[in-house]
Amino acid sequence: MKVIARLERLGDNPETWLRRVGYAMLPANQEGVVSFSRRFSRDFYPRFHIYFKIKQDKEGNKYIVFNLHLDQKKPGYKGVNRHNAEYDGEVVEREVLRLKSLLLPELFA
């Protein structure tokens, strides 16, 4: 599920904001993309998994696009990135609402 916000609403850079809201940085994947996760317990799974891109519109406004999903379990085969993930549903929607509530209000952005 995607969450889109003006970059100013984070009040910081995306990495720092994600850490502040409970996410930990994961090692970069094979393509060099850094992502973050938030675990439910001491176990590695299930966990929320999020990554982002910064975009700019024609007027020069910068937006951040977060892509969030719920990893249910570890990939089954070594070297395979496919895993059991949920991209929508009640749990993911609640996390999206939580993240949106932690953004700075528009009047401060």
N, C-alpha and C. Protein backbone atom coordinates (compact mmCIF):
# COMPACT_ATOMS: atom_id res chain seq x y z
N MET A 1 0.86 -1.16 0.00
CA MET A 1 0.00 0.00 0.00
C MET A 1 0.90 1.23 0.00
N LYS A 2 0.51 2.22 -0.74
CA LYS A 2 1.33 3.42 -0.85
C LYS A 2 0.81 4.53 0.07
N VAL A 3 1.76 5.28 0.62
CA VAL A 3 1.49 6.47 1.41
C VAL A 3 2.28 7.58 0.75
N ILE A 4 1.59 8.65 0.36
CA ILE A 4 2.24 9.77 -0.32
C ILE A 4 2.08 11.02 0.53
N ALA A 5 3.17 11.73 0.74
CA ALA A 5 3.13 12.95 1.55
C ALA A 5 4.16 13.93 1.03
N ARG A 6 3.89 15.20 1.28
CA ARG A 6 4.90 16.22 0.97
C ARG A 6 6.11 15.98 1.85
N LEU A 7 7.27 16.13 1.30
CA LEU A 7 8.51 15.87 2.02
C LEU A 7 8.61 16.70 3.30
N GLU A 8 8.11 17.92 3.27
CA GLU A 8 8.18 18.81 4.43
C GLU A 8 7.39 18.26 5.62
N ARG A 9 6.40 17.43 5.36
CA ARG A 9 5.56 16.92 6.44
C ARG A 9 6.29 15.90 7.31
N LEU A 10 7.44 15.43 6.86
CA LEU A 10 8.22 14.51 7.69
C LEU A 10 8.96 15.25 8.79
N GLY A 11 9.28 16.54 8.54
CA GLY A 11 10.02 17.31 9.52
C GLY A 11 11.49 16.93 9.60
N ASP A 12 11.91 16.01 8.78
CA ASP A 12 13.27 15.48 8.79
C ASP A 12 13.50 14.75 7.48
N ASN A 13 14.65 14.11 7.35
CA ASN A 13 14.84 13.28 6.16
C ASN A 13 14.08 11.97 6.36
N PRO A 14 13.75 11.27 5.29
CA PRO A 14 12.93 10.06 5.41
C PRO A 14 13.52 8.98 6.32
N GLU A 15 14.83 8.79 6.27
CA GLU A 15 15.46 7.77 7.09
C GLU A 15 15.28 8.06 8.58
N THR A 16 15.52 9.30 8.98
CA THR A 16 15.38 9.69 10.38
C THR A 16 13.93 9.58 10.82
N TRP A 17 13.01 10.03 9.97
CA TRP A 17 11.58 9.95 10.32
C TRP A 17 11.15 8.50 10.51
N LEU A 18 11.57 7.62 9.62
CA LEU A 18 11.20 6.21 9.76
C LEU A 18 11.74 5.62 11.05
N ARG A 19 12.95 5.97 11.41
CA ARG A 19 13.50 5.48 12.68
C ARG A 19 12.69 6.01 13.86
N ARG A 20 12.32 7.28 13.78
CA ARG A 20 11.56 7.90 14.87
C ARG A 20 10.19 7.24 15.06
N VAL A 21 9.60 6.72 13.98
CA VAL A 21 8.27 6.11 14.08
C VAL A 21 8.35 4.59 14.25
N GLY A 22 9.55 4.07 14.58
CA GLY A 22 9.67 2.67 14.97
C GLY A 22 10.24 1.71 13.96
N TYR A 23 10.78 2.19 12.87
CA TYR A 23 11.34 1.31 11.84
C TYR A 23 12.86 1.24 11.97
N ALA A 24 13.42 0.12 11.58
CA ALA A 24 14.87 -0.09 11.59
C ALA A 24 15.34 -0.32 10.16
N MET A 25 16.51 0.21 9.85
CA MET A 25 17.06 0.07 8.50
C MET A 25 17.52 -1.37 8.26
N LEU A 26 17.22 -1.86 7.08
CA LEU A 26 17.67 -3.19 6.65
C LEU A 26 18.84 -3.01 5.69
N PRO A 27 19.67 -4.02 5.53
CA PRO A 27 20.75 -3.92 4.55
C PRO A 27 20.18 -3.74 3.13
N ALA A 28 20.93 -3.06 2.29
CA ALA A 28 20.49 -2.83 0.91
C ALA A 28 20.31 -4.16 0.19
N ASN A 29 19.32 -4.20 -0.69
CA ASN A 29 19.09 -5.43 -1.47
C ASN A 29 20.08 -5.49 -2.64
N GLN A 30 19.92 -6.47 -3.52
CA GLN A 30 20.84 -6.67 -4.63
C GLN A 30 20.88 -5.49 -5.59
N GLU A 31 19.77 -4.73 -5.64
CA GLU A 31 19.72 -3.55 -6.52
C GLU A 31 20.21 -2.29 -5.81
N GLY A 32 20.62 -2.41 -4.55
CA GLY A 32 21.11 -1.26 -3.79
C GLY A 32 20.02 -0.45 -3.11
N VAL A 33 18.79 -0.96 -3.08
CA VAL A 33 17.67 -0.25 -2.46
C VAL A 33 17.67 -0.53 -0.96
N VAL A 34 17.67 0.53 -0.16
CA VAL A 34 17.60 0.40 1.29
C VAL A 34 16.15 0.43 1.70
N SER A 35 15.77 -0.43 2.62
CA SER A 35 14.40 -0.45 3.11
C SER A 35 14.43 -0.54 4.62
N PHE A 36 13.25 -0.50 5.22
CA PHE A 36 13.11 -0.47 6.66
C PHE A 36 12.05 -1.48 7.08
N SER A 37 12.14 -1.94 8.33
CA SER A 37 11.13 -2.86 8.83
C SER A 37 10.75 -2.48 10.25
N ARG A 38 9.54 -2.90 10.63
CA ARG A 38 9.06 -2.75 12.00
C ARG A 38 8.47 -4.09 12.40
N ARG A 39 9.10 -4.70 13.40
CA ARG A 39 8.68 -6.03 13.82
C ARG A 39 7.55 -5.96 14.85
N PHE A 40 6.79 -7.03 14.96
CA PHE A 40 5.71 -7.15 15.93
C PHE A 40 6.22 -7.67 17.26
N SER A 41 7.34 -8.40 17.23
CA SER A 41 7.89 -9.01 18.43
C SER A 41 9.40 -9.17 18.24
N ARG A 42 10.03 -9.99 19.08
CA ARG A 42 11.46 -10.24 18.92
C ARG A 42 11.77 -11.03 17.66
N ASP A 43 10.79 -11.78 17.18
CA ASP A 43 10.98 -12.56 15.95
C ASP A 43 11.11 -11.63 14.75
N PHE A 44 11.76 -12.09 13.70
CA PHE A 44 11.92 -11.27 12.50
C PHE A 44 10.64 -11.18 11.68
N TYR A 45 9.78 -12.18 11.81
CA TYR A 45 8.52 -12.22 11.05
C TYR A 45 7.39 -12.53 11.99
N PRO A 46 6.21 -12.01 11.76
CA PRO A 46 5.84 -11.06 10.71
C PRO A 46 6.41 -9.68 11.02
N ARG A 47 6.49 -8.86 9.98
CA ARG A 47 7.01 -7.50 10.12
C ARG A 47 6.47 -6.63 9.01
N PHE A 48 6.37 -5.33 9.30
CA PHE A 48 6.07 -4.37 8.25
C PHE A 48 7.37 -4.09 7.51
N HIS A 49 7.28 -3.95 6.21
CA HIS A 49 8.44 -3.69 5.36
C HIS A 49 8.10 -2.48 4.50
N ILE A 50 8.96 -1.47 4.54
CA ILE A 50 8.66 -0.22 3.83
C ILE A 50 9.91 0.28 3.12
N TYR A 51 9.70 0.83 1.95
CA TYR A 51 10.76 1.53 1.24
C TYR A 51 10.15 2.77 0.61
N PHE A 52 10.97 3.67 0.10
CA PHE A 52 10.43 4.94 -0.37
C PHE A 52 11.22 5.47 -1.57
N LYS A 53 10.57 6.40 -2.26
CA LYS A 53 11.20 7.16 -3.34
C LYS A 53 10.79 8.61 -3.17
N ILE A 54 11.68 9.51 -3.50
CA ILE A 54 11.36 10.93 -3.47
C ILE A 54 11.07 11.35 -4.90
N LYS A 55 9.92 11.99 -5.10
CA LYS A 55 9.49 12.46 -6.42
C LYS A 55 9.33 13.96 -6.39
N GLN A 56 9.35 14.57 -7.57
CA GLN A 56 9.16 16.01 -7.68
C GLN A 56 8.14 16.28 -8.77
N ASP A 57 7.17 17.16 -8.47
CA ASP A 57 6.16 17.49 -9.48
C ASP A 57 6.66 18.64 -10.36
N LYS A 58 5.83 19.04 -11.31
CA LYS A 58 6.21 20.08 -12.28
C LYS A 58 6.50 21.42 -11.63
N GLU A 59 5.84 21.69 -10.48
CA GLU A 59 6.04 22.96 -9.77
C GLU A 59 7.27 22.94 -8.87
N GLY A 60 7.93 21.81 -8.77
CA GLY A 60 9.12 21.71 -7.94
C GLY A 60 8.85 21.22 -6.53
N ASN A 61 7.60 20.88 -6.21
CA ASN A 61 7.27 20.36 -4.88
C ASN A 61 7.79 18.92 -4.77
N LYS A 62 8.42 18.62 -3.66
CA LYS A 62 8.94 17.28 -3.45
C LYS A 62 7.96 16.46 -2.62
N TYR A 63 7.75 15.23 -3.06
CA TYR A 63 6.87 14.29 -2.39
C TYR A 63 7.63 13.02 -2.09
N ILE A 64 7.21 12.37 -1.05
CA ILE A 64 7.79 11.08 -0.73
C ILE A 64 6.71 10.03 -0.91
N VAL A 65 7.06 8.96 -1.58
CA VAL A 65 6.13 7.85 -1.82
C VAL A 65 6.66 6.65 -1.05
N PHE A 66 5.95 6.29 0.02
CA PHE A 66 6.29 5.11 0.81
C PHE A 66 5.52 3.94 0.24
N ASN A 67 6.16 2.80 0.13
CA ASN A 67 5.51 1.58 -0.32
C ASN A 67 5.62 0.59 0.84
N LEU A 68 4.46 0.23 1.42
CA LEU A 68 4.41 -0.58 2.63
C LEU A 68 3.72 -1.90 2.36
N HIS A 69 4.26 -2.96 2.96
CA HIS A 69 3.57 -4.25 2.95
C HIS A 69 3.92 -5.01 4.23
N LEU A 70 3.22 -6.07 4.46
CA LEU A 70 3.41 -6.90 5.64
C LEU A 70 4.04 -8.22 5.19
N ASP A 71 5.27 -8.45 5.65
CA ASP A 71 5.94 -9.73 5.38
C ASP A 71 5.46 -10.73 6.42
N GLN A 72 4.82 -11.79 5.96
CA GLN A 72 4.31 -12.79 6.89
C GLN A 72 5.38 -13.78 7.32
N LYS A 73 6.27 -14.12 6.38
CA LYS A 73 7.33 -15.07 6.71
C LYS A 73 8.52 -14.86 5.79
N LYS A 74 9.60 -15.47 6.15
CA LYS A 74 10.85 -15.41 5.40
C LYS A 74 10.69 -16.11 4.05
N PRO A 75 11.40 -15.63 3.01
CA PRO A 75 11.36 -16.35 1.73
C PRO A 75 11.72 -17.83 1.93
N GLY A 76 11.05 -18.69 1.20
CA GLY A 76 11.22 -20.12 1.39
C GLY A 76 12.49 -20.72 0.82
N TYR A 77 13.06 -20.10 -0.20
CA TYR A 77 14.23 -20.67 -0.85
C TYR A 77 15.38 -19.68 -0.86
N LYS A 78 16.57 -20.16 -0.64
CA LYS A 78 17.76 -19.30 -0.63
C LYS A 78 17.94 -18.66 -2.01
N GLY A 79 18.21 -17.34 -2.00
CA GLY A 79 18.44 -16.62 -3.25
C GLY A 79 17.16 -16.18 -3.94
N VAL A 80 16.00 -16.47 -3.35
CA VAL A 80 14.71 -16.08 -3.93
C VAL A 80 14.10 -15.02 -3.05
N ASN A 81 13.70 -13.90 -3.66
CA ASN A 81 13.12 -12.80 -2.88
C ASN A 81 11.62 -12.91 -2.70
N ARG A 82 10.99 -13.86 -3.34
CA ARG A 82 9.55 -14.02 -3.20
C ARG A 82 9.22 -14.43 -1.77
N HIS A 83 8.18 -13.86 -1.25
CA HIS A 83 7.78 -14.18 0.10
C HIS A 83 6.28 -13.99 0.25
N ASN A 84 5.77 -14.41 1.37
CA ASN A 84 4.35 -14.30 1.65
C ASN A 84 4.10 -12.91 2.22
N ALA A 85 3.59 -11.99 1.42
CA ALA A 85 3.39 -10.61 1.85
C ALA A 85 1.95 -10.17 1.56
N GLU A 86 1.49 -9.26 2.42
CA GLU A 86 0.17 -8.65 2.24
C GLU A 86 0.38 -7.18 1.92
N TYR A 87 -0.22 -6.73 0.82
CA TYR A 87 -0.09 -5.34 0.39
C TYR A 87 -1.30 -4.50 0.76
N ASP A 88 -2.33 -5.12 1.27
CA ASP A 88 -3.50 -4.42 1.76
C ASP A 88 -4.13 -5.27 2.85
N GLY A 89 -5.27 -4.87 3.32
CA GLY A 89 -5.92 -5.59 4.42
C GLY A 89 -5.94 -4.74 5.67
N GLU A 90 -6.65 -5.21 6.67
CA GLU A 90 -6.88 -4.44 7.88
C GLU A 90 -5.59 -4.07 8.62
N VAL A 91 -4.67 -4.99 8.77
CA VAL A 91 -3.43 -4.73 9.50
C VAL A 91 -2.60 -3.67 8.78
N VAL A 92 -2.48 -3.80 7.48
CA VAL A 92 -1.71 -2.83 6.69
C VAL A 92 -2.39 -1.47 6.72
N GLU A 93 -3.71 -1.45 6.60
CA GLU A 93 -4.44 -0.18 6.63
C GLU A 93 -4.28 0.54 7.97
N ARG A 94 -4.26 -0.22 9.07
CA ARG A 94 -4.06 0.40 10.38
C ARG A 94 -2.66 1.01 10.48
N GLU A 95 -1.67 0.34 9.92
CA GLU A 95 -0.32 0.89 9.94
C GLU A 95 -0.23 2.15 9.08
N VAL A 96 -0.90 2.17 7.96
CA VAL A 96 -0.93 3.37 7.11
C VAL A 96 -1.56 4.52 7.89
N LEU A 97 -2.66 4.28 8.57
CA LEU A 97 -3.29 5.33 9.39
C LEU A 97 -2.35 5.81 10.49
N ARG A 98 -1.64 4.90 11.11
CA ARG A 98 -0.68 5.28 12.16
C ARG A 98 0.41 6.18 11.59
N LEU A 99 0.96 5.79 10.43
CA LEU A 99 2.01 6.61 9.81
C LEU A 99 1.49 7.99 9.43
N LYS A 100 0.30 8.04 8.85
CA LYS A 100 -0.28 9.33 8.46
C LYS A 100 -0.49 10.22 9.68
N SER A 101 -0.87 9.63 10.81
CA SER A 101 -1.10 10.42 12.02
C SER A 101 0.19 11.00 12.57
N LEU A 102 1.33 10.44 12.20
CA LEU A 102 2.62 10.89 12.70
C LEU A 102 3.30 11.92 11.80
N LEU A 103 2.66 12.24 10.68
CA LEU A 103 3.18 13.29 9.81
C LEU A 103 2.85 14.65 10.42
N LEU A 104 3.68 15.63 10.14
CA LEU A 104 3.37 17.00 10.60
C LEU A 104 2.10 17.48 9.89
N PRO A 105 1.25 18.24 10.58
CA PRO A 105 0.06 18.79 9.92
C PRO A 105 0.44 19.71 8.77
N GLU A 106 -0.45 19.81 7.80
CA GLU A 106 -0.20 20.66 6.62
C GLU A 106 0.15 22.10 6.98
N LEU A 107 -0.46 22.64 8.03
CA LEU A 107 -0.21 24.04 8.36
C LEU A 107 1.21 24.29 8.84
N PHE A 108 1.92 23.25 9.26
CA PHE A 108 3.31 23.39 9.66
C PHE A 108 4.28 23.04 8.54
N ALA A 109 3.79 22.46 7.48
CA ALA A 109 4.67 22.01 6.40
C ALA A 109 5.06 23.17 5.51
